[in-house]
Protein backbone atom coordinates (compact mmCIF):
# COMPACT_ATOMS: atom_id res chain seq x y z
CA MET A 1 140.36 66.23 -130.78
CA SER A 2 138.46 64.01 -133.22
CA LYS A 3 134.73 64.36 -133.71
CA LEU A 4 134.11 61.08 -131.91
CA GLY A 5 136.35 62.11 -129.04
CA ASN A 6 134.62 65.49 -128.82
CA LEU A 7 131.23 63.75 -128.78
CA GLY A 8 132.43 61.43 -126.02
CA ALA A 9 133.58 64.39 -123.94
CA ARG A 10 130.25 66.17 -124.40
CA LEU A 11 128.36 63.00 -123.47
CA HIS A 12 130.50 62.59 -120.36
CA ARG A 13 129.85 66.20 -119.28
CA GLY A 14 126.11 65.80 -119.86
CA GLU A 15 125.92 68.47 -122.58
CA VAL A 16 124.26 66.08 -125.05
CA GLY A 17 122.64 62.69 -124.70
CA TYR A 18 119.91 60.30 -125.71
CA ASP A 19 117.19 59.25 -123.29
CA PHE A 20 117.70 55.49 -123.17
CA VAL A 21 115.80 55.02 -119.93
CA ARG A 22 112.68 56.90 -121.00
CA ASN A 23 112.43 54.74 -124.13
CA ARG A 24 113.12 51.53 -122.22
CA LYS A 25 109.79 49.94 -123.17
CA LEU A 26 110.83 50.11 -126.82
CA TRP A 27 114.12 48.34 -126.07
CA TYR A 28 112.37 45.78 -123.89
CA GLY A 29 109.98 45.06 -126.75
CA ILE A 30 112.82 44.64 -129.26
CA SER A 31 114.69 42.32 -126.89
CA ILE A 32 111.59 40.24 -126.21
CA LEU A 33 110.93 39.90 -129.94
CA ILE A 34 114.52 38.82 -130.65
CA THR A 35 114.48 36.40 -127.71
CA ILE A 36 111.19 34.82 -128.80
CA THR A 37 112.58 34.39 -132.32
CA ALA A 38 115.68 32.71 -130.89
CA ILE A 39 113.61 30.38 -128.69
CA VAL A 40 111.31 29.44 -131.58
CA GLY A 41 114.32 28.71 -133.79
CA LEU A 42 115.82 26.58 -131.03
CA ALA A 43 112.56 24.66 -130.54
CA VAL A 44 111.84 24.14 -134.26
CA ARG A 45 115.29 23.59 -135.77
CA GLY A 46 117.27 22.53 -132.71
CA LEU A 47 121.03 22.69 -132.41
CA ASN A 48 123.34 21.03 -134.91
CA MET A 49 125.48 19.19 -132.38
CA GLY A 50 128.93 18.15 -133.51
CA ILE A 51 130.23 14.62 -133.27
CA GLU A 52 132.09 15.59 -130.11
CA PHE A 53 128.69 15.54 -128.40
CA GLN A 54 126.99 12.76 -130.39
CA GLY A 55 129.84 10.43 -131.22
CA GLY A 56 130.78 9.36 -134.75
CA ALA A 57 133.62 9.71 -137.22
CA VAL A 58 135.41 12.49 -139.09
CA PHE A 59 136.98 11.86 -142.51
CA ASN A 60 139.42 14.17 -144.28
CA THR A 61 139.92 13.66 -148.01
CA PRO A 62 142.80 14.73 -150.23
CA LYS A 63 142.18 17.61 -152.60
CA THR A 64 139.39 16.73 -154.98
CA THR A 65 136.97 18.23 -157.49
CA VAL A 66 134.01 16.41 -155.93
CA SER A 67 131.40 18.91 -154.72
CA VAL A 68 130.10 19.20 -151.18
CA ALA A 69 126.68 17.86 -152.25
CA GLN A 70 128.20 14.83 -153.98
CA ALA A 71 130.42 14.01 -150.99
CA GLN A 72 127.45 14.29 -148.64
CA GLU A 73 125.42 11.91 -150.78
CA ILE A 74 128.30 9.39 -150.88
CA ALA A 75 128.78 9.47 -147.09
CA GLU A 76 125.05 9.16 -146.34
CA GLU A 77 124.58 6.22 -148.71
CA ALA A 78 127.57 4.39 -147.22
CA SER A 79 126.67 5.00 -143.56
CA GLY A 80 122.89 5.32 -143.51
CA HIS A 81 123.25 8.43 -141.33
CA ASP A 82 123.16 12.15 -141.99
CA ALA A 83 126.50 13.64 -142.93
CA ILE A 84 127.94 17.14 -142.67
CA VAL A 85 130.52 18.13 -145.28
CA GLN A 86 132.76 21.18 -145.11
CA LYS A 87 135.00 22.43 -147.89
CA LEU A 88 138.42 23.43 -146.57
CA GLY A 89 140.13 25.94 -148.82
CA GLY A 90 139.16 27.57 -152.08
CA GLY A 91 139.72 26.86 -155.77
CA ASP A 92 138.58 24.04 -158.02
CA LYS A 93 140.27 21.44 -155.84
CA ALA A 94 139.80 21.47 -152.08
CA THR A 95 140.04 19.16 -149.12
CA LEU A 96 136.72 17.92 -147.74
CA ARG A 97 135.92 17.32 -144.07
CA ILE A 98 133.10 14.79 -143.73
CA GLN A 99 131.39 14.18 -140.40
CA VAL A 100 129.06 11.28 -139.83
CA ALA A 101 127.42 10.99 -136.40
CA GLY A 102 126.30 7.80 -134.66
CA ILE A 103 128.52 5.20 -136.37
CA ASP A 104 130.90 2.65 -134.88
CA THR A 105 134.30 1.38 -136.02
CA LYS A 106 132.95 -1.13 -138.60
CA GLN A 107 130.70 1.44 -140.18
CA ALA A 108 133.54 3.99 -140.18
CA ASP A 109 135.79 1.58 -142.12
CA LYS A 110 133.02 0.99 -144.66
CA VAL A 111 132.39 4.71 -145.13
CA SER A 112 136.12 5.41 -145.51
CA ALA A 113 136.45 2.74 -148.21
CA GLU A 114 133.36 4.00 -150.05
CA ILE A 115 134.59 7.59 -150.01
CA ALA A 116 138.02 6.53 -151.32
CA ASP A 117 136.42 4.47 -154.08
CA LYS A 118 134.12 7.26 -155.23
CA LEU A 119 136.93 9.81 -155.18
CA GLY A 120 139.28 7.50 -157.05
CA VAL A 121 142.02 7.62 -154.42
CA SER A 122 143.71 5.11 -152.13
CA GLU A 123 141.88 4.30 -148.89
CA ASN A 124 145.04 5.31 -147.00
CA ASP A 125 144.66 8.84 -148.38
CA VAL A 126 141.35 9.25 -146.57
CA THR A 127 142.11 9.85 -142.90
CA GLY A 128 139.50 9.04 -140.30
CA GLU A 129 139.01 9.76 -136.61
CA LEU A 130 136.46 8.02 -134.37
CA VAL A 131 134.95 9.97 -131.47
CA GLY A 132 132.97 8.36 -128.64
CA PRO A 133 129.84 10.07 -127.29
CA SER A 134 130.94 9.78 -123.67
CA TRP A 135 133.70 12.35 -124.20
CA GLY A 136 131.25 14.87 -125.62
CA GLU A 137 128.83 14.23 -122.77
CA GLN A 138 131.57 14.98 -120.25
CA ILE A 139 132.45 18.21 -122.07
CA ALA A 140 128.81 19.30 -122.09
CA ASN A 141 128.37 18.56 -118.39
CA LYS A 142 131.51 20.48 -117.48
CA ALA A 143 130.36 23.41 -119.61
CA TRP A 144 126.99 23.55 -117.85
CA GLN A 145 128.69 23.33 -114.47
CA GLY A 146 131.08 26.13 -115.39
CA LEU A 147 128.22 28.30 -116.63
CA GLY A 148 126.20 27.75 -113.46
CA ILE A 149 129.17 28.51 -111.16
CA PHE A 150 129.99 31.62 -113.19
CA LEU A 151 126.46 33.01 -112.95
CA ILE A 152 126.25 32.34 -109.21
CA LEU A 153 129.59 34.05 -108.53
CA VAL A 154 128.62 37.02 -110.70
CA VAL A 155 125.35 37.55 -108.86
CA ILE A 156 127.07 37.31 -105.46
CA TYR A 157 129.83 39.72 -106.47
CA LEU A 158 127.48 42.33 -107.91
CA ALA A 159 125.16 42.08 -104.91
CA ILE A 160 128.12 42.81 -102.61
CA ALA A 161 129.89 45.41 -104.75
CA PHE A 162 126.70 47.25 -105.78
CA GLU A 163 123.27 45.99 -104.71
CA TRP A 164 120.86 43.16 -105.43
CA ARG A 165 118.92 45.14 -108.05
CA MET A 166 122.06 45.59 -110.14
CA ALA A 167 122.93 41.93 -109.65
CA LEU A 168 119.46 40.93 -110.89
CA ALA A 169 119.68 43.26 -113.90
CA ALA A 170 123.12 41.92 -114.85
CA PHE A 171 121.85 38.35 -114.52
CA VAL A 172 118.90 39.10 -116.82
CA ALA A 173 121.27 40.69 -119.35
CA LEU A 174 123.55 37.63 -119.32
CA ILE A 175 120.64 35.22 -119.84
CA HIS A 176 119.46 37.52 -122.66
CA ASP A 177 122.87 37.27 -124.36
CA ILE A 178 123.11 33.48 -123.97
CA THR A 179 119.59 32.91 -125.32
CA ILE A 180 120.14 35.07 -128.38
CA THR A 181 123.50 33.47 -129.18
CA VAL A 182 122.18 29.91 -128.86
CA GLY A 183 119.09 30.84 -130.90
CA ILE A 184 121.23 32.25 -133.70
CA TYR A 185 123.14 28.96 -133.81
CA ALA A 186 119.87 27.09 -134.21
CA LEU A 187 118.63 29.43 -136.97
CA VAL A 188 121.91 29.50 -138.92
CA GLY A 189 122.58 25.79 -138.48
CA PHE A 190 126.25 26.10 -137.59
CA GLU A 191 127.73 23.11 -135.84
CA VAL A 192 128.03 23.23 -132.06
CA THR A 193 131.47 22.07 -130.93
CA PRO A 194 133.58 22.48 -127.78
CA GLY A 195 134.89 25.64 -129.45
CA THR A 196 131.36 26.99 -129.44
CA VAL A 197 131.09 26.36 -125.71
CA ILE A 198 134.39 28.16 -125.12
CA GLY A 199 133.20 31.12 -127.18
CA LEU A 200 129.90 31.21 -125.29
CA LEU A 201 131.64 31.35 -121.92
CA THR A 202 134.04 34.01 -123.22
CA ILE A 203 131.31 36.44 -124.29
CA LEU A 204 129.83 36.49 -120.79
CA GLY A 205 132.92 38.26 -119.52
CA TYR A 206 132.69 40.93 -122.23
CA SER A 207 129.00 41.46 -121.58
CA LEU A 208 129.57 41.78 -117.85
CA TYR A 209 132.45 44.22 -118.33
CA ASP A 210 130.32 46.80 -120.16
CA THR A 211 127.53 46.40 -117.62
CA VAL A 212 129.81 46.89 -114.62
CA VAL A 213 131.34 50.04 -116.14
CA VAL A 214 127.89 51.66 -116.35
CA PHE A 215 126.91 50.39 -112.89
CA ASP A 216 130.07 51.84 -111.34
CA SER A 217 129.31 55.26 -112.83
CA LEU A 218 125.70 55.01 -111.67
CA LYS A 219 126.72 54.07 -108.13
CA GLU A 220 129.04 57.06 -107.90
CA GLN A 221 126.51 59.56 -109.22
CA THR A 222 123.60 58.37 -107.07
CA LYS A 223 125.42 58.73 -103.77
CA ASP A 224 123.18 60.76 -101.42
CA ILE A 225 120.70 61.17 -104.24
CA THR A 226 117.78 61.89 -101.90
CA LYS A 227 119.49 65.08 -100.63
CA GLN A 228 118.88 66.91 -103.91
CA THR A 229 115.83 67.78 -105.97
CA ARG A 230 117.37 68.29 -109.35
CA TRP A 231 117.19 64.84 -110.95
CA THR A 232 115.32 61.59 -110.50
CA TYR A 233 117.09 58.23 -110.30
CA SER A 234 116.12 57.39 -113.89
CA GLU A 235 117.60 60.64 -115.18
CA ILE A 236 120.91 60.03 -113.43
CA ALA A 237 120.90 56.43 -114.71
CA ASN A 238 120.45 57.78 -118.23
CA ARG A 239 123.38 60.17 -117.75
CA SER A 240 125.51 57.23 -116.63
CA ILE A 241 124.74 55.38 -119.87
CA ASN A 242 125.53 58.43 -121.99
CA GLY A 243 128.72 59.11 -120.05
CA THR A 244 130.12 55.65 -120.88
CA LEU A 245 128.48 55.24 -124.30
CA VAL A 246 131.47 56.04 -126.50
CA ARG A 247 133.73 53.89 -124.34
CA SER A 248 131.37 50.93 -124.70
CA ILE A 249 131.08 51.41 -128.47
CA ASN A 250 134.87 51.66 -128.91
CA THR A 251 135.47 48.55 -126.80
CA THR A 252 132.87 46.55 -128.71
CA VAL A 253 134.05 47.63 -132.18
CA VAL A 254 137.69 46.84 -131.38
CA ALA A 255 136.67 43.38 -130.12
CA LEU A 256 134.33 42.69 -133.06
CA LEU A 257 136.81 43.52 -135.85
CA PRO A 258 139.15 40.52 -135.40
CA VAL A 259 136.20 38.22 -134.71
CA ALA A 260 134.51 39.42 -137.90
CA GLY A 261 137.75 38.62 -139.73
CA LEU A 262 137.60 35.04 -138.43
CA LEU A 263 133.93 34.63 -139.27
CA PHE A 264 133.57 36.32 -142.66
CA ILE A 265 137.07 36.16 -144.11
CA GLY A 266 138.45 33.00 -142.50
CA GLY A 267 135.23 31.00 -142.48
CA GLY A 268 133.65 32.54 -145.58
CA PHE A 269 136.22 33.52 -148.20
CA LEU A 270 139.10 31.28 -147.17
CA GLY A 271 136.92 28.25 -146.46
CA ALA A 272 138.25 27.60 -142.96
CA GLY A 273 134.90 26.25 -141.81
CA MET A 274 136.25 25.01 -138.49
CA LEU A 275 136.61 28.66 -137.39
CA ASN A 276 132.87 29.22 -137.65
CA ASP A 277 131.98 27.34 -134.49
CA ILE A 278 133.82 29.72 -132.16
CA SER A 279 133.75 32.92 -134.23
CA LEU A 280 129.96 33.00 -134.60
CA SER A 281 129.40 32.67 -130.86
CA LEU A 282 131.92 35.44 -130.19
CA PHE A 283 130.50 37.76 -132.84
CA VAL A 284 126.85 37.39 -131.84
CA GLY A 285 127.65 37.37 -128.12
CA LEU A 286 129.80 40.52 -128.22
CA ALA A 287 127.14 42.43 -130.14
CA ALA A 288 124.35 41.18 -127.87
CA GLY A 289 126.41 41.99 -124.77
CA ALA A 290 127.01 45.57 -125.85
CA TYR A 291 123.30 45.97 -126.60
CA SER A 292 122.12 44.49 -123.30
CA SER A 293 124.48 46.57 -121.14
CA ILE A 294 123.10 49.79 -122.65
CA PHE A 295 119.49 49.01 -123.44
CA ILE A 296 118.56 46.32 -120.89
CA ALA A 297 120.67 46.23 -117.72
CA THR A 298 120.72 49.90 -116.66
CA PRO A 299 117.10 50.71 -117.65
CA LEU A 300 116.03 47.62 -115.68
CA VAL A 301 117.94 48.87 -112.62
CA ALA A 302 116.18 52.25 -112.97
CA ASP A 303 112.82 50.47 -113.16
CA LEU A 304 113.52 48.51 -109.98
CA LYS A 305 114.88 51.52 -108.07
CA GLU A 306 111.95 53.76 -109.02
CA ARG A 307 109.67 51.33 -107.18
CA GLU A 308 111.30 52.18 -103.86
CA PRO A 309 109.35 54.59 -101.60
CA GLN A 310 112.38 56.88 -101.29
CA MET A 311 112.78 57.14 -105.06
CA LYS A 312 109.04 57.71 -105.52
CA ALA A 313 109.15 60.53 -102.99
CA LEU A 314 112.23 61.99 -104.68
CA LYS A 315 110.53 61.94 -108.05
CA LYS A 316 107.51 63.78 -106.63
CA ARG A 317 109.76 66.46 -105.12
CA VAL A 318 111.70 66.88 -108.36
CA LEU A 319 108.55 67.20 -110.47
CA ALA A 320 106.93 69.53 -107.94
CA LYS A 321 109.95 71.79 -107.91
CA ARG A 322 110.09 71.90 -111.69
CA ALA A 323 106.41 72.80 -111.83
CA GLN A 324 106.96 75.54 -109.25
CA THR A 325 109.95 76.89 -111.15
CA ALA A 326 108.01 76.91 -114.40
CA THR A 327 105.15 78.83 -112.76
CA GLU A 328 106.97 81.28 -110.50
CA GLY A 329 110.38 81.51 -112.12
CA PRO A 330 113.73 81.01 -110.35
CA ALA A 331 114.26 82.42 -106.87
CA THR A 332 116.68 85.29 -106.41
CA ASP A 333 118.79 83.74 -103.68
CA VAL A 334 118.97 80.10 -104.80
CA PRO A 335 119.20 78.83 -108.39
CA ALA A 336 115.97 77.21 -109.57
CA ASP A 337 117.63 74.03 -110.78
CA ASP A 338 118.72 72.84 -107.37
CA GLU A 339 117.84 73.01 -103.70
CA VAL A 340 120.22 73.76 -100.85
CA TYR A 341 119.78 72.41 -97.38
CA ASP A 342 121.27 74.16 -94.34
CA ASP A 343 122.49 70.84 -92.94
CA GLU A 344 123.81 69.54 -96.29
CA PRO A 345 127.55 68.76 -96.50
CA GLU A 346 129.57 70.98 -98.77
CA ASP A 347 130.40 68.22 -101.28
CA THR A 348 126.94 66.62 -101.53
CA ALA A 349 125.81 68.41 -104.69
CA ALA A 350 129.09 67.76 -106.43
CA ALA A 351 128.79 64.05 -105.74
CA VAL A 352 125.31 63.79 -107.14
CA VAL A 353 124.17 66.37 -109.51
CA GLY A 354 124.73 68.64 -112.35
CA PRO A 355 126.25 68.33 -115.72
CA ARG A 356 129.88 67.76 -114.93
CA ASN A 357 130.88 71.13 -116.37
CA GLN A 358 128.81 72.99 -113.76
CA PRO A 359 130.54 73.02 -110.37
CA ALA A 360 128.48 72.82 -107.24
CA SER A 361 129.95 76.08 -105.98
CA ARG A 362 127.60 78.10 -108.16
CA THR A 363 124.69 76.98 -105.97
CA ARG A 364 126.22 78.38 -102.81
CA GLY A 365 127.19 81.72 -101.38
CA ARG A 366 125.06 83.71 -103.77
CA ASN A 367 123.30 86.56 -101.94
CA ARG A 368 123.62 84.62 -98.67
CA PRO A 369 125.50 85.77 -95.56
CA SER A 370 128.50 83.63 -94.79
CA GLY A 371 127.98 83.82 -91.02
CA LYS A 372 131.68 84.60 -90.45
CA ARG A 373 133.08 87.82 -89.00
CA ARG A 374 135.61 89.49 -91.21
């Protein structure tokens, strides 16, 4: 077995682990700082909306030695509007994609002729496409509607499949991921296109997947939790995170590798700038989703559950028993790390407690009469 696989097995059995829940305030602080930075960037710089949302024209030139800065200056002088120029391909000669927002058909013809004249090519060699703002507005409205329906269905599903606290924590994690992704777009200045919207909706599924995996493990391990005095809810929640940690990391890395290829190799080295709109949202969203499922969602559930009277009482019993064990030492008939109830079902301890490599049978039948006649 590889070292990573061996580590994953030890994490799953509870032999090793990191206390994510105990250090939750640190992770909350980091998330709040990142979120505030994203919101400030969004408020100050705003989003660089593509022409699909604003309306305008897109011009594609033949291969030329004209630089991006020169082409931008030509387009802005001809149109009187800001222009965005992307270089498609590498080398000394490359095709240029010039976007000018807020112009009509007459202005588009003038800009096309000016670009052809400055580049020294025929006007027919400069292809143009006019986009109306109403189409982009419809796309944006549909995207917002889809996002709202998705979030509502997610909350309802999680509330039914798990409980409302987990649904609330998952909702907070999703909003966290969306805010960070949108804020990064504002800070970097990448263009927001329909591809960006598609990428944004896609990452929500990945983020929710990791969160649900941890929640499912937590639900299983906290069944009949109040019938034992070995662990608090937060401690079992932390074991659930550690038990699925390697799985979450592997899933995220495998998903990030091809996206990183699109973003850094396709969009960076090869000059396929049109890939940036969707690849950046996927890359940032996948990373943020993996972070939130581990550091935000489950610790937040533990925080909410520990406020319940039953969980508060359980925590007091657990701490009291540990203090008693530390003072008096373990009892001779029952192991000190657990408590057995006469009316407790035989499989209760196995469903709740213990590192997974310690069977519940060790807590029973030791120096106790069986009550059966042999």
